[in-house]
Amino acid sequence: MCFVIEEAVEMEISFAGKGVLVTGAAAGIGKAIAEQFLQNGAAVFLVDFNPDLLQQTMTDWKRKFPSKVYGVTADLRQAPVAAATIVKQAAAAMGTLDVLVNNAGIYPSRFMLDLEESEWDAIFDLNVKGYFFMAQAVARYWVTFGKQGSIVNISSGAAANARPGAVTYAASKAAVVMLTKGLALEWIRKGIRVNAVGPGLIETEALLQSLNTPVAKAEHKEKISMIPAARTGRPSEIADAVLFLASDKARFIVGQNLFVDGGYTCGRVFCSKM
């Protein structure tokens, strides 16, 4: 029997002439997503709550990507007014708006017996309400001007795996998955595709900074032991998935939540050797 092994061909995805709006874009996964869109030819409008971090990121990128980087500081919990304003600003700055990536979110750790109503509201106001009104604002823009577009929401592996101390966060991300499916059903015949990417354990700056005690390091090592791929993910690997779903290469993918988690949501690894 003869096997023919073909060389892998890298799939080219270009966003030249496209405008992309990314929320929570000044650090971590959002920053990686925004940068990858820039590297693939898009103009990018960054939205972030932290003005200093946003300004630093924009200053660095404007040297590398002149006339491609725009942004604004905003609190997306102030929806829907903030969302409508941001969409108008982004479309005007870039001259087009073709993709929305809903990434901004918070991940507080709190056990349920101690949770206050204000903490519950803060999580859902940003992680769910903020996503919806950003999606609604950009969809209204596309429908008004007869444009088609793509929305990619960032969910989480927590949408399928609840854990102590993160119940509210997990509930908010499960809501994002169903929000994605519902919007996809309503809007696909208007030329608007909606999908989601669910990151697993990703090695962001925030994660690395949290590993500042022996207990935190031990817990992190235990988490990695449960991942079939036996490692953390990289922010660029989430960006790869987002760019694919936002591109024409994924034109027949609608309402899906793609877990990018090294196999964590497949099940658990119970032995060190496989």
Protein backbone atom coordinates (compact mmCIF):
# COMPACT_ATOMS: atom_id res chain seq x y z
CA MET A 1 0.00 0.00 0.00
CA CYS A 2 1.32 3.42 -0.93
CA PHE A 3 0.54 6.64 0.89
CA VAL A 4 1.06 10.06 -0.65
CA ILE A 5 1.89 12.75 1.87
CA GLU A 6 1.15 16.21 0.58
CA GLU A 7 2.81 19.31 1.92
CA ALA A 8 0.57 21.41 4.14
CA VAL A 9 -0.51 24.60 2.48
CA GLU A 10 -1.12 27.55 4.77
CA MET A 11 -4.59 28.97 4.27
CA GLU A 12 -4.34 32.60 3.22
CA ILE A 13 -6.83 34.93 4.83
CA SER A 14 -6.79 38.57 3.83
CA PHE A 15 -8.76 41.39 5.37
CA ALA A 16 -7.32 44.09 3.09
CA GLY A 17 -9.83 46.92 2.75
CA LYS A 18 -11.86 45.66 5.72
CA GLY A 19 -12.63 47.42 8.97
CA VAL A 20 -12.67 45.46 12.24
CA LEU A 21 -13.93 46.55 15.66
CA VAL A 22 -12.46 44.68 18.64
CA THR A 23 -13.57 45.29 22.23
CA GLY A 24 -11.28 44.66 25.18
CA ALA A 25 -8.43 45.12 22.73
CA ALA A 26 -5.64 46.70 24.77
CA ALA A 27 -4.29 43.51 26.35
CA GLY A 28 -4.47 39.74 26.43
CA ILE A 29 -6.59 37.83 23.94
CA GLY A 30 -8.24 40.97 22.55
CA LYS A 31 -4.87 42.51 21.80
CA ALA A 32 -3.70 39.36 20.01
CA ILE A 33 -6.88 39.32 17.92
CA ALA A 34 -6.56 42.98 16.96
CA GLU A 35 -2.90 42.61 16.04
CA GLN A 36 -3.54 39.59 13.87
CA PHE A 37 -6.25 41.43 11.94
CA LEU A 38 -3.77 44.27 11.39
CA GLN A 39 -1.14 41.84 10.16
CA ASN A 40 -3.69 40.48 7.68
CA GLY A 41 -4.43 43.86 6.15
CA ALA A 42 -7.42 45.17 8.11
CA ALA A 43 -7.93 48.55 9.68
CA VAL A 44 -8.79 48.03 13.35
CA PHE A 45 -10.78 50.11 15.81
CA LEU A 46 -9.82 49.26 19.40
CA VAL A 47 -12.17 49.67 22.35
CA ASP A 48 -11.00 49.30 25.94
CA PHE A 49 -11.92 50.44 29.44
CA ASN A 50 -8.30 51.25 30.41
CA PRO A 51 -7.24 54.54 28.79
CA ASP A 52 -3.53 54.26 29.60
CA LEU A 53 -3.22 50.71 28.30
CA LEU A 54 -5.22 51.56 25.20
CA GLN A 55 -3.07 54.58 24.42
CA GLN A 56 0.13 52.60 24.86
CA THR A 57 -1.10 49.83 22.55
CA MET A 58 -2.26 52.30 19.89
CA THR A 59 1.01 54.25 20.02
CA ASP A 60 3.05 51.08 19.53
CA TRP A 61 0.91 49.88 16.63
CA LYS A 62 0.64 53.18 14.81
CA ARG A 63 4.36 52.92 14.07
CA LYS A 64 3.92 49.44 12.56
CA PHE A 65 0.53 49.96 10.95
CA PRO A 66 0.18 53.63 9.94
CA SER A 67 -3.34 54.77 9.06
CA LYS A 68 -4.73 51.42 10.23
CA VAL A 69 -5.20 51.87 13.99
CA TYR A 70 -8.01 53.76 15.70
CA GLY A 71 -9.63 53.53 19.08
CA VAL A 72 -11.66 54.88 21.94
CA THR A 73 -11.96 54.37 25.68
CA ALA A 74 -15.42 53.21 26.67
CA ASP A 75 -17.35 51.44 29.40
CA LEU A 76 -19.45 48.86 27.57
CA ARG A 77 -21.65 48.38 30.62
CA GLN A 78 -23.24 51.67 29.58
CA ALA A 79 -25.12 50.01 26.73
CA PRO A 80 -26.91 50.67 24.44
CA VAL A 81 -25.88 54.32 24.11
CA ALA A 82 -22.16 53.54 24.24
CA ALA A 83 -22.51 50.79 21.63
CA ALA A 84 -24.31 52.95 19.08
CA THR A 85 -21.76 55.74 19.51
CA ILE A 86 -18.81 53.37 19.16
CA VAL A 87 -20.14 51.84 15.95
CA LYS A 88 -20.63 55.29 14.40
CA GLN A 89 -17.12 56.34 15.42
CA ALA A 90 -15.56 53.13 14.12
CA ALA A 91 -17.32 53.27 10.75
CA ALA A 92 -16.40 56.94 10.30
CA ALA A 93 -12.75 56.44 11.29
CA MET A 94 -12.11 53.38 9.12
CA GLY A 95 -14.46 54.26 6.27
CA THR A 96 -16.00 50.81 6.60
CA LEU A 97 -17.00 48.33 9.26
CA ASP A 98 -17.09 44.65 8.35
CA VAL A 99 -16.32 42.63 11.48
CA LEU A 100 -17.16 42.93 15.17
CA VAL A 101 -15.26 40.92 17.77
CA ASN A 102 -16.97 41.02 21.17
CA ASN A 103 -14.12 40.26 23.56
CA ALA A 104 -14.38 42.66 26.52
CA GLY A 105 -15.21 40.87 29.73
CA ILE A 106 -14.42 40.44 33.40
CA TYR A 107 -13.52 37.30 35.32
CA PRO A 108 -13.90 37.85 39.06
CA SER A 109 -13.40 34.98 41.46
CA ARG A 110 -16.10 34.80 44.10
CA PHE A 111 -17.91 32.01 45.93
CA MET A 112 -21.68 32.14 45.63
CA LEU A 113 -22.47 32.48 49.34
CA ASP A 114 -20.46 35.71 49.35
CA LEU A 115 -21.72 37.18 46.06
CA GLU A 116 -23.41 40.58 46.13
CA GLU A 117 -26.07 41.70 43.66
CA SER A 118 -23.80 44.45 42.36
CA GLU A 119 -21.12 41.88 41.51
CA TRP A 120 -23.64 39.71 39.63
CA ASP A 121 -24.85 42.76 37.69
CA ALA A 122 -21.31 43.88 36.83
CA ILE A 123 -20.49 40.52 35.25
CA PHE A 124 -23.70 40.20 33.24
CA ASP A 125 -23.76 43.87 32.27
CA LEU A 126 -20.42 43.54 30.51
CA ASN A 127 -20.15 39.87 29.54
CA VAL A 128 -23.68 39.51 28.16
CA LYS A 129 -25.53 42.82 27.92
CA GLY A 130 -22.47 44.56 26.49
CA TYR A 131 -22.08 41.84 23.85
CA PHE A 132 -25.72 42.04 22.81
CA PHE A 133 -25.90 45.80 22.42
CA MET A 134 -22.60 45.96 20.52
CA ALA A 135 -23.92 43.24 18.19
CA GLN A 136 -27.26 45.01 17.82
CA ALA A 137 -25.62 48.36 17.05
CA VAL A 138 -23.35 46.94 14.35
CA ALA A 139 -26.17 44.84 12.86
CA ARG A 140 -28.37 47.93 12.66
CA TYR A 141 -25.55 49.74 10.86
CA TRP A 142 -25.16 46.90 8.35
CA VAL A 143 -28.90 46.59 7.70
CA THR A 144 -29.29 50.36 7.31
CA PHE A 145 -26.54 50.55 4.69
CA GLY A 146 -27.23 47.22 3.00
CA LYS A 147 -23.94 45.69 4.10
CA GLN A 148 -23.03 42.17 5.13
CA GLY A 149 -20.78 41.39 8.05
CA SER A 150 -19.46 38.92 10.59
CA ILE A 151 -19.64 38.92 14.38
CA VAL A 152 -17.41 36.72 16.53
CA ASN A 153 -18.18 36.57 20.24
CA ILE A 154 -15.59 35.35 22.72
CA SER A 155 -17.20 32.79 24.99
CA SER A 156 -15.15 30.42 27.17
CA GLY A 157 -14.55 26.82 28.06
CA ALA A 158 -16.34 27.82 31.27
CA ALA A 159 -19.57 27.85 29.24
CA ALA A 160 -19.41 24.05 29.31
CA ASN A 161 -17.53 23.49 32.57
CA ALA A 162 -18.71 25.23 35.73
CA ARG A 163 -16.29 25.43 38.62
CA PRO A 164 -16.35 26.77 42.19
CA GLY A 165 -15.48 30.43 42.46
CA ALA A 166 -16.46 31.16 38.86
CA VAL A 167 -20.14 30.23 38.72
CA THR A 168 -21.36 33.67 37.66
CA TYR A 169 -18.68 33.95 35.00
CA ALA A 170 -19.54 30.47 33.67
CA ALA A 171 -23.23 31.38 33.56
CA SER A 172 -22.45 34.58 31.66
CA LYS A 173 -20.38 32.71 29.08
CA ALA A 174 -23.06 30.04 28.66
CA ALA A 175 -25.41 32.93 27.95
CA VAL A 176 -22.98 34.19 25.29
CA VAL A 177 -23.17 30.82 23.52
CA MET A 178 -26.97 30.92 23.35
CA LEU A 179 -26.92 34.60 22.42
CA THR A 180 -24.63 33.67 19.54
CA LYS A 181 -26.98 30.97 18.30
CA GLY A 182 -30.08 33.13 18.62
CA LEU A 183 -28.58 36.14 16.82
CA ALA A 184 -27.22 33.84 14.12
CA LEU A 185 -30.70 32.47 13.43
CA GLU A 186 -32.29 35.92 13.29
CA TRP A 187 -29.65 37.63 11.17
CA ILE A 188 -28.17 35.11 8.74
CA ARG A 189 -30.71 35.95 6.03
CA LYS A 190 -29.73 39.58 6.39
CA GLY A 191 -26.18 38.62 5.44
CA ILE A 192 -24.84 38.73 8.99
CA ARG A 193 -22.97 35.68 10.33
CA VAL A 194 -22.59 35.26 14.07
CA ASN A 195 -20.25 32.71 15.68
CA ALA A 196 -18.25 32.34 18.87
CA VAL A 197 -14.83 31.14 19.99
CA GLY A 198 -14.45 29.54 23.42
CA PRO A 199 -10.90 29.84 24.77
CA GLY A 200 -9.57 27.36 27.27
CA LEU A 201 -6.64 28.09 29.59
CA ILE A 202 -4.68 30.76 27.71
CA GLU A 203 -1.29 32.11 28.72
CA THR A 204 -2.04 35.83 28.86
CA GLU A 205 -0.12 38.47 30.78
CA ALA A 206 -2.86 38.48 33.42
CA LEU A 207 -2.58 34.72 33.89
CA LEU A 208 1.17 34.84 34.28
CA GLN A 209 0.92 37.70 36.79
CA SER A 210 -1.56 35.66 38.86
CA LEU A 211 0.98 32.86 39.37
CA ASN A 212 2.65 34.71 42.21
CA THR A 213 2.35 32.18 45.04
CA PRO A 214 3.29 28.52 45.45
CA VAL A 215 -0.41 27.64 45.76
CA ALA A 216 -1.31 29.47 42.54
CA LYS A 217 1.55 27.76 40.69
CA ALA A 218 0.51 24.32 42.00
CA GLU A 219 -3.11 24.88 40.96
CA HIS A 220 -1.97 26.04 37.53
CA LYS A 221 0.11 22.90 37.08
CA GLU A 222 -2.88 20.77 38.09
CA LYS A 223 -5.09 22.56 35.54
CA ILE A 224 -2.58 21.84 32.78
CA SER A 225 -2.56 18.17 33.77
CA MET A 226 -6.27 18.02 32.90
CA ILE A 227 -5.77 19.37 29.37
CA PRO A 228 -5.33 16.60 26.77
CA ALA A 229 -2.83 18.75 24.85
CA ALA A 230 -0.84 19.06 28.11
CA ARG A 231 -0.18 22.79 27.77
CA THR A 232 -1.77 26.20 27.95
CA GLY A 233 -2.92 27.91 24.79
CA ARG A 234 -1.43 31.03 23.25
CA PRO A 235 -3.43 34.21 22.58
CA SER A 236 -2.40 33.95 18.93
CA GLU A 237 -4.18 30.58 18.71
CA ILE A 238 -7.44 32.21 19.74
CA ALA A 239 -6.79 34.95 17.19
CA ASP A 240 -6.29 32.30 14.48
CA ALA A 241 -9.75 30.88 15.19
CA VAL A 242 -11.39 34.31 15.28
CA LEU A 243 -9.87 35.36 11.95
CA PHE A 244 -11.01 32.13 10.34
CA LEU A 245 -14.60 32.47 11.56
CA ALA A 246 -14.71 36.13 10.53
CA SER A 247 -13.40 35.37 7.04
CA ASP A 248 -15.07 34.18 3.85
CA LYS A 249 -13.36 30.82 4.41
CA ALA A 250 -16.04 30.22 7.06
CA ARG A 251 -18.95 31.54 5.00
CA PHE A 252 -21.10 28.44 5.65
CA ILE A 253 -20.39 28.35 9.40
CA VAL A 254 -23.28 29.94 11.27
CA GLY A 255 -24.14 30.05 14.97
CA GLN A 256 -21.28 27.83 16.14
CA ASN A 257 -19.21 27.99 19.31
CA LEU A 258 -15.70 26.76 18.53
CA PHE A 259 -13.81 25.65 21.63
CA VAL A 260 -10.08 26.32 21.34
CA ASP A 261 -8.92 24.63 24.50
CA GLY A 262 -6.47 21.82 23.77
CA GLY A 263 -9.27 19.28 24.10
CA TYR A 264 -10.35 20.24 27.62
CA THR A 265 -14.07 20.23 26.83
CA CYS A 266 -13.75 16.75 25.25
CA GLY A 267 -13.28 15.18 28.64
CA ARG A 268 -10.61 14.60 31.28
CA VAL A 269 -7.18 13.00 31.14
CA PHE A 270 -6.77 10.51 34.00
CA CYS A 271 -3.28 9.28 33.29
CA SER A 272 -0.01 10.97 32.50
CA LYS A 273 0.81 8.61 29.62
CA MET A 274 -1.50 8.21 26.64
